[in-house]
Amino acid sequence: MARPNAAQDGRLLFALDATMSRQPTWDLACSLQAEMFKAIPKDSALQVQLLYFRGFGECRASKWVVDATALARLMTGIDCRGGNTQIGKVFAHARAEHAKRRINAVVYVGDAIEENVDDLSEKAGQLGLLNCPIFVFQEGQDSRVEAAFREFARLTKGAYARFDASAPQELAALLKAVAAYASGGRDLLKLQGSGQAQALLAQLPR
């Protein structure tokens, strides 16, 4: 049953690269996704949709859910499979969902790009024009990937951060920060005391 105030909930699209190289971080994200909901005030709510790609052209989206338990069930039923990145499909899906009802923030977690960066930048720019910010979180040290991810964040008026899978508290703090932003904007993000939250805040346009 839908809640009476569901139309006022913040909406966050949680997109993940689920190709084989992502298996360790997929397990980490599964264990940490509940952290997103801990940043939400008791009098507000956050709807989250899970989007992932893997294998040969597979890209799937879940229903919008409003609690950590539902999201955990969705994520634990997915395993990583070999394949190329499909970031273009993530951006296209975000645009389609945003057209139905505003998405307050998109989270994208990945470690590689195997698509044309200029084409992806054009799609990111279209999201920026729609005021749909992307928070891009990179695993690894690939400088080419970092440059592209930073550009996607800039074009959408979002933010970029790198995390280390061996330090799970980093990703937990990042997820909590974006959840706060999605449900309450800059004001709620400011209340997050982590260094990760403040670093994201510093990148967002005023």
Foldseek 3Di string as FASTA:
>chain_A
DDDPCNLLAFEEEEEEEQAPVCQLVLVLCLVQVQLQQVLDDPVHWYWYKYWYDADDPDIDIDDTDTHSVVVSVVSVVDHHHHDADDVVVVLVVQVVVCVVPNHQEYEYEEADHPDDLVVNLVSLLVLLVVLYAYEYEYEDDPPVVVVSSQSSRVSNLFYYYYDYSVPSVLVSLLSNLVSQCRGPNLVSLVVRPDPSSVRRSVSGDD
